[in-house]
Amino acid sequence: MRRIRPSTSVCCALLLTVASASPAATKAAVRDLDLPDRALVAAYEQAASKNVLAAVNPGVFPGYWCVCADGQGFGYGNTYPSLDGHQMTDALLWLGQVDVVLANWEYVRSFQRADGQLPLAILPAAAGKEIGQATAKSTVDANGGLYRHWVTGNPLAALAGPTYIQNADVIFRYTQDRRWLADQLPSINRAAEYLASLTTAEGAVGGAGYYLERPTRIEFDGVSQCFAADAFRRAAALNRVVSDDATARRLEQLADRIQHHFDTRFWVRDHFAEYDHPQRGLIASHGLTDVDWAAIATGMATPDQQATLWPQLRDEARFHYDGMPTGISTRPETYEAWEFTHPDRHDLAAMGRVWYSEAWARARMGDGAGLVAGLLAVSRVGKANDYYWRERYHPRADGGCSAAGAEKYCEYPANLIRITQRFLLGVDLRLDGTIVLAPTVPSDYWKRGFGQTLAWRNRKLSYRLQANRLAATYQGPAQRLGVRFPAEPAHAPFTGEINGHSVAVTTKDGIVFVDFPMSTSKNPCSLALGGGR
């Protein structure tokens, strides 16, 4: 989304010094991370302190963050509710910044139109002005919201709504605030209705490129199909929390319709088409693409399609441009001039957003080694640049890649945090308040041991996993914990002790569950959980 920007004069007139996170706030937010790969631990800490937390600036307004760590990239005071709005929200929640996230939510919500549409960007200094290039312009609304892209074809039309729904989902999972959810659901459902208005009777989601602008992917982008269905299912689950089953069923039916259309229309022999052009039909000529990653990540591919696709994706090095994850296709050199409604080819690059889809797919398929390889590759690139990352990494004809776009851009560091927590460590904050640890790590991690300290909702959990055992301390209200171990113990069932006393242990769908009683910082619970010998 990053190429939407006001004029240079507007940007320069607004440049101020960003208020970076204080050392105390950084220390409180970046919890102890214990992983065998120390390079990843170092990158995680720097991604948090030098990038994501440094981008927060309450001096603009409470809840504001920039999309660049320098506080200036893409315009001081600008907000990007599409894509960046979720990448940063999710990362900040993992870093404990719930008040910042909630304040930002309120700010973005104030720009929602009556029909549920949300802006792609909020550019206060450009309110009422035209932005873009000489041959392609769009007018920023009087309120500062940009609701239509300046690139011909209006890409990203289907992006802001899913971003908003994703944010609602992670905020509720983190806070478990049912009153907040009930208050927000009318707005969340309006966002879903606007997304539904972009969906045909057959189940094709329009809006051109989901997170790509150049190429534009007119009109039905494969990634849009995957993330729209995922958004409808997340919105449905949130409605079920407040027992609105009728709305939930309708949203689930929309998701099912999109999935059926995607599986039957987009599948081309052994992979998914990239997009469905209104005049040229299915475009599937650029090798494997990010659509294939998204189809597995979001659960859109059928079991047979997944079985065909995964062996092709798993070790496909051409997705990594000079080793940097993840490019939008394995054959970027094959894109033709007609596919670009704007002269440059800026999105033919490795980007953090595609890397997230790859990582999600690898987690779904249990590929811990692939997850770690991607995390270490991004860590190496960050270390070489003083732990800052660029916006894009473009492939070169000689096999290398060229860093381009904004400096100190927060997409890669935000996703490094998200991927480490959500997929590698497998921390799942469930809608019912249960926390589940379901790591996707290489076997070496289980042999050497790993863990961290998590803090959420007045709770604190410090844990270490090794083989089929968990050692943990916990303080806070009563809490249900689930753990997925690497294998069922061969010699004995799982047993648990809290403070030396046996506790009930249950197993469901491969997850081992135990309940912590209420405890305090002065008298925390000590848990030993495991099986076998």
Protein backbone atom coordinates (compact mmCIF):
# COMPACT_ATOMS: atom_id res chain seq x y z
CA MET A 1 0.00 0.00 0.00
CA ARG A 2 2.97 2.20 0.55
CA ARG A 3 3.13 4.23 -2.62
CA ILE A 4 0.12 6.38 -1.72
CA ARG A 5 1.65 9.59 -0.48
CA PRO A 6 0.98 13.31 -0.48
CA SER A 7 3.22 15.70 -2.36
CA THR A 8 6.82 16.19 -1.25
CA SER A 9 6.05 19.71 -0.05
CA VAL A 10 3.30 18.41 2.22
CA CYS A 11 5.60 15.77 3.68
CA CYS A 12 8.42 18.22 4.30
CA ALA A 13 6.12 20.71 5.96
CA LEU A 14 5.11 18.09 8.52
CA LEU A 15 8.43 16.53 9.49
CA LEU A 16 8.92 16.44 13.25
CA THR A 17 11.01 14.31 15.58
CA VAL A 18 9.27 11.05 16.48
CA ALA A 19 8.97 10.16 20.15
CA SER A 20 10.60 6.74 20.36
CA ALA A 21 9.68 4.19 22.99
CA SER A 22 11.34 4.76 26.35
CA PRO A 23 13.87 2.18 27.59
CA ALA A 24 11.48 1.19 30.39
CA ALA A 25 8.59 0.66 27.98
CA THR A 26 10.81 -1.35 25.64
CA LYS A 27 12.06 -3.59 28.45
CA ALA A 28 8.50 -4.23 29.62
CA ALA A 29 7.28 -5.05 26.12
CA VAL A 30 10.09 -7.28 24.85
CA ARG A 31 9.83 -10.34 27.04
CA ASP A 32 12.48 -12.99 27.53
CA LEU A 33 12.75 -15.12 24.38
CA ASP A 34 14.66 -18.38 24.70
CA LEU A 35 15.41 -19.99 21.33
CA PRO A 36 18.30 -22.16 20.10
CA ASP A 37 18.94 -19.66 17.28
CA ARG A 38 20.42 -16.64 19.04
CA ALA A 39 20.50 -14.68 15.77
CA LEU A 40 16.71 -14.87 15.68
CA VAL A 41 16.44 -13.75 19.30
CA ALA A 42 18.62 -10.73 18.54
CA ALA A 43 16.58 -9.85 15.44
CA TYR A 44 13.31 -10.21 17.36
CA GLU A 45 14.49 -7.85 20.09
CA GLN A 46 15.69 -5.27 17.57
CA ALA A 47 12.56 -5.61 15.43
CA ALA A 48 10.57 -4.76 18.53
CA SER A 49 12.67 -2.01 20.11
CA LYS A 50 14.21 -0.26 17.08
CA ASN A 51 11.26 -0.62 14.74
CA VAL A 52 7.74 -1.44 15.92
CA LEU A 53 7.87 0.29 19.30
CA ALA A 54 9.94 3.16 17.93
CA ALA A 55 7.21 3.89 15.36
CA VAL A 56 4.64 4.67 18.10
CA ASN A 57 4.21 8.41 18.62
CA PRO A 58 1.43 9.67 20.92
CA GLY A 59 2.57 13.19 20.08
CA VAL A 60 0.54 12.94 16.87
CA PHE A 61 -2.48 11.49 18.67
CA PRO A 62 -2.95 8.74 21.27
CA GLY A 63 -2.72 5.46 19.37
CA TYR A 64 -0.70 6.80 16.45
CA TRP A 65 2.13 4.92 14.87
CA CYS A 66 4.07 5.52 11.71
CA VAL A 67 4.69 2.73 9.21
CA CYS A 68 8.42 3.51 9.34
CA ALA A 69 10.65 3.41 12.40
CA ASP A 70 11.95 6.92 11.70
CA GLY A 71 8.44 8.30 12.19
CA GLN A 72 8.55 10.08 8.86
CA GLY A 73 8.43 7.58 6.01
CA PHE A 74 5.27 7.97 3.89
CA GLY A 75 4.32 11.14 5.71
CA TYR A 76 4.41 12.24 9.31
CA GLY A 77 0.96 11.88 10.82
CA ASN A 78 -0.36 9.59 8.09
CA THR A 79 -2.18 6.35 8.97
CA TYR A 80 -2.58 3.29 6.73
CA PRO A 81 -5.59 1.19 7.79
CA SER A 82 -5.03 -1.29 4.94
CA LEU A 83 -2.56 -4.10 5.63
CA ASP A 84 -0.07 -2.03 7.67
CA GLY A 85 -2.90 -1.40 10.08
CA HIS A 86 -3.05 -5.11 10.87
CA GLN A 87 0.63 -5.97 10.68
CA MET A 88 1.40 -3.27 13.23
CA THR A 89 -1.69 -3.92 15.40
CA ASP A 90 -0.82 -7.59 15.72
CA ALA A 91 2.85 -6.97 16.45
CA LEU A 92 2.05 -4.29 19.02
CA LEU A 93 -0.36 -6.60 20.82
CA TRP A 94 2.36 -9.26 21.06
CA LEU A 95 4.48 -6.51 22.62
CA GLY A 96 1.77 -5.67 25.17
CA GLN A 97 0.71 -2.32 23.69
CA VAL A 98 -3.04 -2.85 24.05
CA ASP A 99 -3.87 0.78 24.93
CA VAL A 100 -2.09 2.00 21.80
CA VAL A 101 -3.94 -0.51 19.65
CA LEU A 102 -7.36 0.32 21.10
CA ALA A 103 -6.83 4.04 20.60
CA ASN A 104 -5.77 3.45 17.01
CA TRP A 105 -8.87 1.32 16.43
CA GLU A 106 -11.10 4.19 17.56
CA TYR A 107 -9.30 6.61 15.27
CA VAL A 108 -9.69 4.37 12.22
CA ARG A 109 -13.31 3.54 13.05
CA SER A 110 -14.17 7.27 12.95
CA PHE A 111 -13.42 7.23 9.21
CA GLN A 112 -15.81 4.38 8.37
CA ARG A 113 -18.58 5.35 5.97
CA ALA A 114 -22.24 4.43 6.47
CA ASP A 115 -21.94 1.60 3.92
CA GLY A 116 -19.04 0.08 5.86
CA GLN A 117 -16.23 1.26 3.58
CA LEU A 118 -12.97 2.13 5.28
CA PRO A 119 -10.14 4.23 3.87
CA LEU A 120 -7.00 2.77 2.35
CA ALA A 121 -5.03 5.58 3.94
CA ILE A 122 -5.65 8.59 6.18
CA LEU A 123 -3.64 11.60 4.98
CA PRO A 124 -4.66 14.61 7.09
CA ALA A 125 -2.39 17.11 5.34
CA ALA A 126 -3.75 16.09 1.94
CA ALA A 127 -7.45 16.40 2.85
CA GLY A 128 -9.45 17.55 -0.15
CA LYS A 129 -6.43 17.39 -2.47
CA GLU A 130 -5.53 15.29 -5.48
CA ILE A 131 -2.70 12.79 -5.04
CA GLY A 132 -0.96 10.35 -7.36
CA GLN A 133 0.87 10.76 -10.65
CA ALA A 134 0.23 12.93 -13.70
CA THR A 135 -1.68 10.20 -15.54
CA ALA A 136 -3.47 8.71 -12.53
CA LYS A 137 -4.91 10.70 -9.68
CA SER A 138 -7.37 10.32 -6.84
CA THR A 139 -8.90 12.88 -4.51
CA VAL A 140 -8.48 12.57 -0.77
CA ASP A 141 -11.78 13.02 1.08
CA ALA A 142 -12.35 16.19 3.07
CA ASN A 143 -11.87 14.16 6.25
CA GLY A 144 -8.40 13.06 5.11
CA GLY A 145 -9.44 9.54 4.14
CA LEU A 146 -8.40 8.05 0.80
CA TYR A 147 -11.19 5.70 -0.26
CA ARG A 148 -10.18 5.06 -3.87
CA HIS A 149 -6.70 4.27 -5.13
CA TRP A 150 -5.02 6.56 -7.61
CA VAL A 151 -3.66 3.65 -9.70
CA THR A 152 -5.95 2.82 -12.62
CA GLY A 153 -8.13 -0.16 -11.73
CA ASN A 154 -8.54 0.85 -8.07
CA PRO A 155 -6.43 -1.90 -6.48
CA LEU A 156 -6.76 -2.64 -2.76
CA ALA A 157 -10.54 -2.08 -2.81
CA ALA A 158 -11.02 -5.35 -0.91
CA LEU A 159 -8.19 -4.76 1.59
CA ALA A 160 -9.34 -2.29 4.25
CA GLY A 161 -12.38 -4.35 5.34
CA PRO A 162 -10.48 -7.59 6.00
CA THR A 163 -7.77 -5.61 7.80
CA TYR A 164 -10.40 -4.11 10.10
CA ILE A 165 -11.95 -7.52 10.79
CA GLN A 166 -8.52 -9.06 11.43
CA ASN A 167 -7.84 -6.31 13.95
CA ALA A 168 -11.14 -6.88 15.73
CA ASP A 169 -10.30 -10.57 15.94
CA VAL A 170 -6.84 -10.14 17.47
CA ILE A 171 -7.96 -7.36 19.84
CA PHE A 172 -10.74 -9.52 21.27
CA ARG A 173 -8.49 -12.56 21.55
CA TYR A 174 -5.97 -10.48 23.48
CA THR A 175 -8.42 -8.60 25.73
CA GLN A 176 -11.41 -10.97 26.04
CA ASP A 177 -13.47 -7.79 26.48
CA ARG A 178 -17.00 -8.86 25.56
CA ARG A 179 -18.46 -5.41 26.17
CA TRP A 180 -15.94 -3.93 23.74
CA LEU A 181 -16.80 -6.59 21.18
CA ALA A 182 -20.55 -6.03 21.50
CA ASP A 183 -20.03 -2.30 21.02
CA GLN A 184 -17.85 -2.81 17.93
CA LEU A 185 -19.82 -5.55 16.16
CA PRO A 186 -22.16 -3.18 14.28
CA SER A 187 -19.09 -1.51 12.76
CA ILE A 188 -17.36 -4.85 12.15
CA ASN A 189 -20.44 -6.20 10.40
CA ARG A 190 -20.72 -3.08 8.24
CA ALA A 191 -17.16 -3.71 7.09
CA ALA A 192 -18.17 -7.28 6.24
CA GLU A 193 -21.22 -6.01 4.32
CA TYR A 194 -19.07 -3.69 2.24
CA LEU A 195 -16.78 -6.62 1.43
CA ALA A 196 -19.87 -8.64 0.50
CA SER A 197 -20.89 -5.86 -1.91
CA LEU A 198 -17.66 -6.54 -3.84
CA THR A 199 -18.54 -10.23 -4.16
CA THR A 200 -20.46 -11.58 -7.14
CA ALA A 201 -23.33 -14.03 -6.93
CA GLU A 202 -20.91 -16.78 -8.01
CA GLY A 203 -18.52 -15.95 -5.17
CA ALA A 204 -15.80 -13.92 -6.93
CA VAL A 205 -14.36 -11.12 -4.81
CA GLY A 206 -13.53 -8.02 -6.86
CA GLY A 207 -11.33 -5.06 -6.06
CA ALA A 208 -8.23 -5.90 -8.12
CA GLY A 209 -4.99 -6.57 -6.25
CA TYR A 210 -5.35 -7.40 -2.56
CA TYR A 211 -2.00 -6.05 -1.41
CA LEU A 212 -0.48 -5.35 -4.84
CA GLU A 213 -0.82 -2.16 -6.83
CA ARG A 214 1.67 -2.68 -9.64
CA PRO A 215 0.87 -5.23 -11.17
CA THR A 216 -2.76 -4.39 -10.51
CA ARG A 217 -4.35 -7.85 -10.92
CA ILE A 218 -7.61 -6.66 -12.42
CA GLU A 219 -10.26 -7.74 -11.37
CA PHE A 220 -10.36 -10.90 -9.28
CA ASP A 221 -7.09 -11.45 -7.42
CA GLY A 222 -6.51 -14.91 -5.98
CA VAL A 223 -5.11 -13.56 -2.72
CA SER A 224 -8.27 -11.45 -2.32
CA GLN A 225 -10.40 -14.59 -2.54
CA CYS A 226 -8.42 -16.28 0.23
CA PHE A 227 -8.30 -13.39 2.67
CA ALA A 228 -11.90 -12.30 2.06
CA ALA A 229 -13.15 -15.78 2.96
CA ASP A 230 -10.89 -15.78 6.00
CA ALA A 231 -12.25 -12.36 7.04
CA PHE A 232 -15.86 -13.52 6.75
CA ARG A 233 -15.09 -16.54 8.92
CA ARG A 234 -13.36 -14.40 11.55
CA ALA A 235 -16.34 -12.02 11.60
CA ALA A 236 -18.70 -14.98 11.90
CA ALA A 237 -16.78 -16.33 14.89
CA LEU A 238 -16.92 -12.94 16.61
CA ASN A 239 -20.69 -12.82 16.10
CA ARG A 240 -21.01 -16.27 17.65
CA VAL A 241 -19.22 -14.99 20.77
CA VAL A 242 -22.25 -12.74 21.40
CA SER A 243 -24.67 -15.49 20.25
CA ASP A 244 -25.68 -13.80 16.98
CA ASP A 245 -25.88 -17.11 15.15
CA ALA A 246 -27.98 -15.78 12.27
CA THR A 247 -25.36 -13.22 11.25
CA ALA A 248 -22.63 -15.80 11.76
CA ARG A 249 -24.33 -18.30 9.46
CA ARG A 250 -24.78 -15.70 6.71
CA LEU A 251 -21.11 -14.73 6.87
CA GLU A 252 -20.03 -18.36 6.88
CA GLN A 253 -22.17 -18.99 3.82
CA LEU A 254 -20.43 -16.10 2.05
CA ALA A 255 -17.05 -17.62 2.92
CA ASP A 256 -18.15 -21.05 1.68
CA ARG A 257 -19.39 -19.56 -1.60
CA ILE A 258 -16.08 -17.78 -2.17
CA GLN A 259 -14.13 -20.93 -1.34
CA HIS A 260 -16.16 -23.09 -3.72
CA HIS A 261 -15.73 -20.57 -6.54
CA PHE A 262 -12.00 -20.26 -5.84
CA ASP A 263 -11.40 -24.03 -5.75
CA THR A 264 -13.33 -24.66 -8.95
CA ARG A 265 -12.48 -21.55 -10.99
CA PHE A 266 -8.89 -20.74 -9.99
CA TRP A 267 -7.37 -24.23 -9.97
CA VAL A 268 -5.28 -24.79 -13.12
CA ARG A 269 -4.04 -28.40 -13.35
CA ASP A 270 -1.54 -28.33 -10.44
CA HIS A 271 -1.62 -24.82 -8.96
CA PHE A 272 -3.86 -21.80 -8.55
CA ALA A 273 -4.23 -19.02 -11.07
CA GLU A 274 -2.89 -15.67 -9.98
CA TYR A 275 -5.96 -13.67 -11.00
CA ASP A 276 -9.01 -13.74 -13.24
CA HIS A 277 -8.93 -10.88 -15.75
CA PRO A 278 -12.34 -9.72 -17.04
CA GLN A 279 -11.20 -9.85 -20.69
CA ARG A 280 -8.22 -12.20 -20.72
CA GLY A 281 -9.50 -14.80 -18.28
CA LEU A 282 -7.33 -16.74 -15.86
CA ILE A 283 -3.72 -15.57 -15.59
CA ALA A 284 -1.52 -18.44 -14.50
CA SER A 285 1.64 -17.90 -16.54
CA HIS A 286 4.10 -16.61 -13.93
CA GLY A 287 4.98 -19.85 -12.23
CA LEU A 288 3.88 -20.48 -8.68
CA THR A 289 2.69 -17.34 -6.91
CA ASP A 290 1.68 -15.90 -3.56
CA VAL A 291 -1.85 -17.13 -4.32
CA ASP A 292 -0.60 -20.69 -3.83
CA TRP A 293 0.84 -19.81 -0.42
CA ALA A 294 -2.37 -18.00 0.56
CA ALA A 295 -4.57 -20.92 -0.52
CA ILE A 296 -2.79 -23.27 1.89
CA ALA A 297 -2.36 -20.67 4.64
CA THR A 298 -6.05 -19.79 4.86
CA GLY A 299 -7.31 -23.34 4.37
CA MET A 300 -8.91 -22.58 0.99
CA ALA A 301 -7.28 -25.42 -0.95
CA THR A 302 -9.08 -28.77 -0.92
CA PRO A 303 -7.13 -31.72 0.53
CA ASP A 304 -6.34 -32.98 -2.97
CA GLN A 305 -5.21 -29.54 -4.14
CA GLN A 306 -3.08 -29.16 -1.04
CA ALA A 307 -1.49 -32.56 -1.60
CA THR A 308 -0.60 -31.57 -5.16
CA LEU A 309 0.57 -28.07 -4.33
CA TRP A 310 2.60 -28.46 -1.15
CA PRO A 311 5.43 -30.61 -2.60
CA GLN A 312 5.97 -27.90 -5.23
CA LEU A 313 5.99 -25.04 -2.74
CA ARG A 314 7.94 -26.53 0.14
CA ASP A 315 11.46 -26.30 -1.30
CA GLU A 316 10.90 -23.79 -4.13
CA ALA A 317 13.93 -21.51 -3.79
CA ARG A 318 12.84 -19.17 -6.59
CA PHE A 319 10.34 -17.53 -4.21
CA HIS A 320 13.30 -16.17 -2.23
CA TYR A 321 14.93 -13.37 -4.17
CA ASP A 322 18.63 -13.78 -3.39
CA GLY A 323 17.49 -15.67 -0.32
CA MET A 324 15.06 -13.00 0.92
CA PRO A 325 11.48 -14.20 1.49
CA THR A 326 9.08 -13.88 -0.21
CA GLY A 327 8.55 -12.89 -3.83
CA ILE A 328 5.13 -12.76 -5.45
CA SER A 329 6.05 -15.37 -8.09
CA THR A 330 8.74 -17.81 -9.12
CA ARG A 331 9.01 -16.25 -12.60
CA PRO A 332 8.83 -12.47 -12.09
CA GLU A 333 10.57 -11.85 -15.41
CA THR A 334 7.52 -13.14 -17.31
CA TYR A 335 5.10 -10.32 -16.41
CA GLU A 336 3.95 -8.46 -19.50
CA ALA A 337 3.44 -4.73 -20.04
CA TRP A 338 -0.36 -5.02 -20.30
CA GLU A 339 -0.53 -6.30 -16.70
CA PHE A 340 0.58 -2.91 -15.38
CA THR A 341 -1.87 -0.04 -15.32
CA HIS A 342 0.98 2.10 -13.94
CA PRO A 343 4.42 2.38 -15.54
CA ASP A 344 6.61 0.90 -12.82
CA ARG A 345 6.77 -2.68 -11.51
CA HIS A 346 7.26 -1.86 -7.87
CA ASP A 347 5.49 -4.92 -6.45
CA LEU A 348 7.59 -7.42 -8.39
CA ALA A 349 9.58 -7.92 -5.23
CA ALA A 350 10.04 -9.89 -2.06
CA MET A 351 7.74 -8.38 0.57
CA GLY A 352 6.94 -9.04 4.20
CA ARG A 353 3.25 -9.53 3.44
CA VAL A 354 3.98 -12.47 1.14
CA TRP A 355 6.47 -13.87 3.63
CA TYR A 356 3.69 -13.92 6.24
CA SER A 357 1.48 -16.02 3.93
CA GLU A 358 4.39 -18.39 3.28
CA ALA A 359 5.07 -18.73 7.01
CA TRP A 360 1.38 -19.33 7.74
CA ALA A 361 1.30 -22.06 5.10
CA ARG A 362 4.45 -23.68 6.49
CA ALA A 363 2.94 -23.67 9.98
CA ARG A 364 -0.25 -25.27 8.69
CA MET A 365 1.84 -27.97 7.02
CA GLY A 366 4.10 -28.48 10.06
CA ASP A 367 7.28 -27.27 8.35
CA GLY A 368 9.34 -25.98 11.26
CA ALA A 369 12.62 -26.13 9.35
CA GLY A 370 11.20 -23.95 6.58
CA LEU A 371 9.84 -21.45 9.10
CA VAL A 372 13.21 -21.09 10.80
CA ALA A 373 15.05 -20.77 7.48
CA GLY A 374 12.83 -17.80 6.53
CA LEU A 375 13.17 -16.16 9.93
CA LEU A 376 16.96 -16.48 9.87
CA ALA A 377 17.16 -15.10 6.32
CA VAL A 378 15.20 -11.99 7.35
CA SER A 379 17.30 -11.73 10.51
CA ARG A 380 20.53 -11.76 8.48
CA VAL A 381 19.32 -9.00 6.17
CA GLY A 382 18.26 -6.92 9.18
CA LYS A 383 21.58 -7.38 10.95
CA ALA A 384 23.48 -6.29 7.85
CA ASN A 385 21.49 -3.03 7.85
CA ASP A 386 21.81 -2.18 11.57
CA TYR A 387 18.51 -4.03 12.18
CA TYR A 388 16.42 -1.98 9.83
CA TRP A 389 14.60 -3.36 6.81
CA ARG A 390 13.61 -1.85 3.49
CA GLU A 391 10.18 -1.84 1.91
CA ARG A 392 10.95 -4.13 -1.06
CA TYR A 393 13.68 -6.49 -2.31
CA HIS A 394 13.63 -6.58 -6.11
CA PRO A 395 15.09 -9.52 -8.04
CA ARG A 396 17.99 -8.82 -10.38
CA ALA A 397 18.86 -10.60 -13.60
CA ASP A 398 22.16 -11.78 -12.06
CA GLY A 399 20.30 -13.67 -9.34
CA GLY A 400 20.77 -11.07 -6.62
CA CYS A 401 18.26 -8.62 -5.25
CA SER A 402 18.17 -4.88 -4.72
CA ALA A 403 16.71 -3.25 -1.63
CA ALA A 404 14.29 -0.48 -2.57
CA GLY A 405 11.48 1.67 -1.27
CA ALA A 406 11.16 3.19 2.18
CA GLU A 407 14.00 2.83 4.64
CA LYS A 408 13.29 1.63 8.18
CA TYR A 409 9.95 0.26 6.99
CA CYS A 410 8.12 -1.71 9.68
CA GLU A 411 6.61 -4.50 7.57
CA TYR A 412 9.42 -7.06 7.86
CA PRO A 413 10.09 -6.42 11.58
CA ALA A 414 6.38 -6.51 12.42
CA ASN A 415 5.98 -9.80 10.59
CA LEU A 416 9.13 -11.23 12.17
CA ILE A 417 7.43 -10.71 15.56
CA ARG A 418 4.11 -12.13 14.35
CA ILE A 419 5.65 -15.17 12.66
CA THR A 420 7.82 -15.99 15.67
CA GLN A 421 4.85 -15.84 18.05
CA ARG A 422 1.98 -17.16 15.95
CA PHE A 423 3.70 -19.87 13.93
CA LEU A 424 7.12 -20.79 15.28
CA LEU A 425 6.11 -20.71 18.95
CA GLY A 426 2.48 -21.36 18.03
CA VAL A 427 0.89 -19.12 20.68
CA ASP A 428 -2.87 -19.29 20.13
CA LEU A 429 -5.05 -16.93 22.16
CA ARG A 430 -8.40 -18.59 21.59
CA LEU A 431 -11.78 -16.90 21.50
CA ASP A 432 -12.88 -18.70 24.67
CA GLY A 433 -9.90 -17.33 26.64
CA THR A 434 -7.80 -20.51 26.54
CA ILE A 435 -4.14 -20.10 25.62
CA VAL A 436 -2.62 -22.91 23.55
CA LEU A 437 1.07 -23.43 22.81
CA ALA A 438 1.33 -25.34 19.54
CA PRO A 439 4.85 -24.79 18.21
CA THR A 440 5.95 -25.50 14.65
CA VAL A 441 9.67 -25.91 15.22
CA PRO A 442 12.44 -28.17 13.90
CA SER A 443 13.20 -31.34 15.85
CA ASP A 444 16.42 -29.74 17.07
CA TYR A 445 14.39 -27.14 18.98
CA TRP A 446 12.59 -29.88 20.90
CA LYS A 447 15.92 -31.54 21.74
CA ARG A 448 17.62 -28.34 22.92
CA GLY A 449 14.57 -26.69 24.50
CA PHE A 450 12.93 -23.32 23.98
CA GLY A 451 10.42 -20.97 25.57
CA GLN A 452 9.66 -17.40 26.58
CA THR A 453 7.75 -15.15 28.96
CA LEU A 454 4.28 -14.03 27.86
CA ALA A 455 2.24 -11.27 29.51
CA TRP A 456 -1.41 -10.56 28.69
CA ARG A 457 -4.61 -9.55 30.53
CA ASN A 458 -2.93 -9.31 33.96
CA ARG A 459 -1.43 -12.72 33.39
CA LYS A 460 2.19 -13.78 33.11
CA LEU A 461 3.40 -17.15 31.87
CA SER A 462 7.07 -18.13 31.74
CA TYR A 463 7.65 -21.50 30.15
CA ARG A 464 10.22 -23.82 28.63
CA LEU A 465 9.44 -26.77 26.37
CA GLN A 466 11.78 -29.68 25.82
CA ALA A 467 10.95 -33.08 24.36
CA ASN A 468 7.57 -34.07 25.83
CA ARG A 469 7.85 -31.81 28.85
CA LEU A 470 6.81 -28.32 29.89
CA ALA A 471 8.12 -26.41 32.91
CA ALA A 472 6.26 -23.19 33.60
CA THR A 473 5.44 -20.57 36.20
CA TYR A 474 2.19 -18.64 36.07
CA GLN A 475 0.60 -15.74 37.89
CA GLY A 476 -2.83 -14.26 37.34
CA PRO A 477 -6.51 -15.24 37.35
CA ALA A 478 -7.59 -18.83 36.74
CA GLN A 479 -6.42 -19.82 33.26
CA ARG A 480 -6.75 -22.83 30.96
CA LEU A 481 -3.55 -23.83 29.15
CA GLY A 482 -3.16 -26.22 26.24
CA VAL A 483 0.10 -27.62 24.85
CA ARG A 484 0.77 -29.56 21.67
CA PHE A 485 3.83 -31.73 22.17
CA PRO A 486 5.82 -33.21 19.27
CA ALA A 487 4.53 -36.75 19.80
CA GLU A 488 2.33 -38.85 22.02
CA PRO A 489 4.54 -40.34 24.79
CA ALA A 490 5.38 -43.96 24.20
CA HIS A 491 5.56 -45.21 27.77
CA ALA A 492 3.12 -43.24 29.87
CA PRO A 493 0.22 -40.77 29.58
CA PHE A 494 0.69 -37.06 30.25
CA THR A 495 0.64 -36.05 33.89
CA GLY A 496 0.85 -32.67 35.57
CA GLU A 497 1.81 -31.17 38.89
CA ILE A 498 1.17 -27.64 40.15
CA ASN A 499 3.27 -26.67 43.15
CA GLY A 500 4.08 -30.35 43.67
CA HIS A 501 0.48 -31.55 43.68
CA SER A 502 -1.08 -33.65 40.94
CA VAL A 503 -3.67 -31.91 38.75
CA ALA A 504 -6.15 -33.14 36.19
CA VAL A 505 -4.78 -33.40 32.65
CA THR A 506 -6.98 -33.93 29.59
CA THR A 507 -6.17 -34.42 25.92
CA LYS A 508 -8.31 -33.35 22.96
CA ASP A 509 -7.34 -33.24 19.27
CA GLY A 510 -3.69 -33.74 20.17
CA ILE A 511 -3.64 -30.85 22.66
CA VAL A 512 -2.89 -31.49 26.34
CA PHE A 513 -4.90 -29.24 28.67
CA VAL A 514 -4.42 -28.21 32.29
CA ASP A 515 -6.06 -25.51 34.42
CA PHE A 516 -4.09 -23.00 36.46
CA PRO A 517 -5.75 -21.76 39.64
CA MET A 518 -5.62 -18.09 40.51
CA SER A 519 -2.18 -17.06 41.74
CA THR A 520 -0.24 -13.90 42.57
CA SER A 521 3.24 -12.58 41.90
CA LYS A 522 4.13 -13.41 45.50
CA ASN A 523 2.79 -16.96 45.20
CA PRO A 524 2.94 -18.01 41.51
CA CYS A 525 1.99 -21.46 40.28
CA SER A 526 4.78 -23.79 39.26
CA LEU A 527 3.71 -26.34 36.64
CA ALA A 528 5.46 -29.52 35.51
CA LEU A 529 3.70 -31.24 32.62
CA GLY A 530 4.86 -34.15 30.54
CA GLY A 531 4.65 -37.78 29.52
CA GLY A 532 6.87 -40.74 28.78
CA ARG A 533 10.22 -41.30 30.41
